[in-house]
């Protein structure tokens, strides 16, 4: 969530410096970050142990 917060803060800064036509892009990129970052983190937490477990530790 720290990276999502950083990404949203950066997008908010950019959103406030551009014309109204480009602002929706940054708004939706913040919404995208709030959805994608936690999904990727959850997938990483669930899949990483399956694919990268230590075979030596499993045989003990």
N, C-alpha and C. Protein backbone atom coordinates (compact mmCIF):
# COMPACT_ATOMS: atom_id res chain seq x y z
N UNK A 1 0.83 -1.21 0.00
CA UNK A 1 0.00 0.00 0.00
C UNK A 1 0.87 1.26 0.00
N UNK A 2 2.09 1.12 0.47
CA UNK A 2 2.99 2.28 0.46
C UNK A 2 3.25 2.73 -0.98
N UNK A 3 3.50 1.79 -1.87
CA UNK A 3 3.75 2.15 -3.27
C UNK A 3 2.48 2.70 -3.94
N UNK A 4 1.33 2.16 -3.60
CA UNK A 4 0.08 2.68 -4.14
C UNK A 4 -0.13 4.12 -3.68
N UNK A 5 0.17 4.38 -2.41
CA UNK A 5 0.05 5.74 -1.88
C UNK A 5 1.00 6.70 -2.57
N UNK A 6 2.23 6.26 -2.80
CA UNK A 6 3.20 7.09 -3.51
C UNK A 6 2.73 7.36 -4.94
N UNK A 7 2.26 6.33 -5.62
CA UNK A 7 1.79 6.48 -7.00
C UNK A 7 0.61 7.45 -7.05
N UNK A 8 -0.33 7.32 -6.12
CA UNK A 8 -1.51 8.21 -6.10
C UNK A 8 -1.10 9.65 -5.79
N UNK A 9 -0.15 9.82 -4.88
CA UNK A 9 0.30 11.18 -4.56
C UNK A 9 0.96 11.82 -5.77
N UNK A 10 1.78 11.07 -6.47
CA UNK A 10 2.43 11.59 -7.66
C UNK A 10 1.41 11.94 -8.74
N UNK A 11 0.44 11.07 -8.94
CA UNK A 11 -0.60 11.34 -9.94
C UNK A 11 -1.42 12.56 -9.54
N UNK A 12 -1.68 12.74 -8.24
CA UNK A 12 -2.45 13.91 -7.79
C UNK A 12 -1.69 15.20 -8.05
N UNK A 13 -0.38 15.17 -7.85
CA UNK A 13 0.43 16.37 -8.13
C UNK A 13 0.36 16.70 -9.62
N UNK A 14 0.54 15.70 -10.46
CA UNK A 14 0.45 15.94 -11.91
C UNK A 14 -0.95 16.41 -12.30
N UNK A 15 -1.97 15.82 -11.70
CA UNK A 15 -3.35 16.16 -12.05
C UNK A 15 -3.63 17.63 -11.78
N UNK A 16 -3.03 18.18 -10.73
CA UNK A 16 -3.27 19.57 -10.37
C UNK A 16 -2.49 20.56 -11.22
N UNK A 17 -1.58 20.07 -12.06
CA UNK A 17 -0.75 20.97 -12.86
C UNK A 17 -1.12 20.97 -14.34
N UNK A 18 -2.12 20.22 -14.72
CA UNK A 18 -2.49 20.15 -16.13
C UNK A 18 -3.91 20.65 -16.33
N UNK A 19 -4.26 20.86 -17.58
CA UNK A 19 -5.58 21.39 -17.93
C UNK A 19 -6.67 20.36 -17.62
N UNK A 20 -7.88 20.82 -17.63
CA UNK A 20 -9.02 19.98 -17.25
C UNK A 20 -9.18 18.76 -18.16
N UNK A 21 -8.74 18.85 -19.40
CA UNK A 21 -8.90 17.74 -20.32
C UNK A 21 -8.07 16.52 -19.95
N UNK A 22 -6.91 16.72 -19.32
CA UNK A 22 -6.03 15.61 -18.98
C UNK A 22 -6.25 15.13 -17.54
N UNK A 23 -6.93 15.90 -16.73
CA UNK A 23 -7.13 15.54 -15.33
C UNK A 23 -7.84 14.20 -15.13
N UNK A 24 -8.84 13.84 -15.93
CA UNK A 24 -9.47 12.52 -15.74
C UNK A 24 -8.49 11.35 -15.90
N UNK A 25 -7.48 11.51 -16.77
CA UNK A 25 -6.49 10.45 -16.93
C UNK A 25 -5.79 10.18 -15.60
N UNK A 26 -5.37 11.22 -14.91
CA UNK A 26 -4.67 11.04 -13.64
C UNK A 26 -5.61 10.55 -12.55
N UNK A 27 -6.85 11.00 -12.59
CA UNK A 27 -7.83 10.50 -11.62
C UNK A 27 -8.02 9.00 -11.78
N UNK A 28 -8.21 8.54 -13.01
CA UNK A 28 -8.42 7.12 -13.23
C UNK A 28 -7.14 6.31 -13.01
N UNK A 29 -5.98 6.92 -13.21
CA UNK A 29 -4.74 6.20 -12.90
C UNK A 29 -4.61 6.00 -11.39
N UNK A 30 -5.14 6.94 -10.59
CA UNK A 30 -5.14 6.75 -9.13
C UNK A 30 -6.09 5.63 -8.74
N UNK A 31 -7.27 5.59 -9.35
CA UNK A 31 -8.22 4.51 -9.08
C UNK A 31 -7.61 3.17 -9.49
N UNK A 32 -6.95 3.15 -10.63
CA UNK A 32 -6.28 1.95 -11.11
C UNK A 32 -5.22 1.48 -10.10
N UNK A 33 -4.45 2.40 -9.56
CA UNK A 33 -3.43 2.04 -8.59
C UNK A 33 -4.05 1.46 -7.32
N UNK A 34 -5.15 2.02 -6.89
CA UNK A 34 -5.80 1.52 -5.67
C UNK A 34 -6.37 0.12 -5.87
N UNK A 35 -6.65 -0.25 -7.10
CA UNK A 35 -7.15 -1.60 -7.40
C UNK A 35 -6.00 -2.56 -7.69
N UNK A 36 -5.09 -2.14 -8.57
CA UNK A 36 -4.06 -3.05 -9.07
C UNK A 36 -2.98 -3.36 -8.03
N UNK A 37 -2.50 -2.37 -7.31
CA UNK A 37 -1.42 -2.62 -6.36
C UNK A 37 -1.80 -3.65 -5.29
N UNK A 38 -2.98 -3.55 -4.65
CA UNK A 38 -3.33 -4.59 -3.67
C UNK A 38 -3.55 -5.97 -4.31
N UNK A 39 -4.10 -6.01 -5.52
CA UNK A 39 -4.31 -7.31 -6.19
C UNK A 39 -2.97 -7.97 -6.49
N UNK A 40 -2.01 -7.20 -6.99
CA UNK A 40 -0.69 -7.75 -7.27
C UNK A 40 0.00 -8.17 -5.99
N UNK A 41 -0.13 -7.40 -4.93
CA UNK A 41 0.48 -7.77 -3.65
C UNK A 41 -0.14 -9.06 -3.10
N UNK A 42 -1.43 -9.20 -3.21
CA UNK A 42 -2.10 -10.41 -2.75
C UNK A 42 -1.69 -11.62 -3.58
N UNK A 43 -1.64 -11.44 -4.88
CA UNK A 43 -1.22 -12.54 -5.75
C UNK A 43 0.23 -12.93 -5.46
N UNK A 44 1.07 -11.95 -5.22
CA UNK A 44 2.46 -12.23 -4.89
C UNK A 44 2.55 -13.00 -3.57
N UNK A 45 1.78 -12.59 -2.60
CA UNK A 45 1.82 -13.26 -1.29
C UNK A 45 1.30 -14.69 -1.38
N UNK A 46 0.34 -14.94 -2.25
CA UNK A 46 -0.22 -16.29 -2.37
C UNK A 46 0.60 -17.19 -3.29
N UNK A 47 1.15 -16.63 -4.35
CA UNK A 47 1.85 -17.44 -5.35
C UNK A 47 3.34 -17.61 -5.07
N UNK A 48 3.96 -16.65 -4.44
CA UNK A 48 5.39 -16.72 -4.21
C UNK A 48 5.80 -17.98 -3.43
N UNK A 49 5.13 -18.31 -2.34
CA UNK A 49 5.54 -19.51 -1.62
C UNK A 49 5.36 -20.80 -2.43
N UNK A 50 4.40 -20.86 -3.34
CA UNK A 50 4.18 -22.06 -4.15
C UNK A 50 5.32 -22.28 -5.15
N UNK A 51 5.78 -21.22 -5.78
CA UNK A 51 6.76 -21.35 -6.84
C UNK A 51 8.20 -21.24 -6.37
N UNK A 52 8.42 -20.60 -5.25
CA UNK A 52 9.79 -20.33 -4.82
C UNK A 52 10.09 -20.89 -3.44
N UNK A 53 9.48 -21.99 -3.07
CA UNK A 53 9.81 -22.59 -1.78
C UNK A 53 11.14 -23.32 -1.88
N UNK A 54 11.81 -23.41 -0.77
CA UNK A 54 13.11 -24.05 -0.71
C UNK A 54 12.91 -25.56 -0.69
N UNK A 55 13.38 -26.28 -1.71
CA UNK A 55 13.18 -27.73 -1.74
C UNK A 55 13.92 -28.45 -0.61
N UNK A 56 15.02 -27.89 -0.13
CA UNK A 56 15.75 -28.52 0.96
C UNK A 56 14.94 -28.44 2.26
N UNK A 57 14.24 -27.34 2.46
CA UNK A 57 13.44 -27.19 3.67
C UNK A 57 12.21 -28.08 3.62
N UNK A 58 11.69 -28.37 2.44
CA UNK A 58 10.49 -29.20 2.30
C UNK A 58 10.79 -30.68 2.59
N UNK A 59 12.03 -31.11 2.36
CA UNK A 59 12.36 -32.52 2.57
C UNK A 59 12.73 -32.83 4.00
N UNK A 60 12.90 -31.81 4.83
CA UNK A 60 13.29 -32.05 6.23
C UNK A 60 12.10 -32.36 7.09
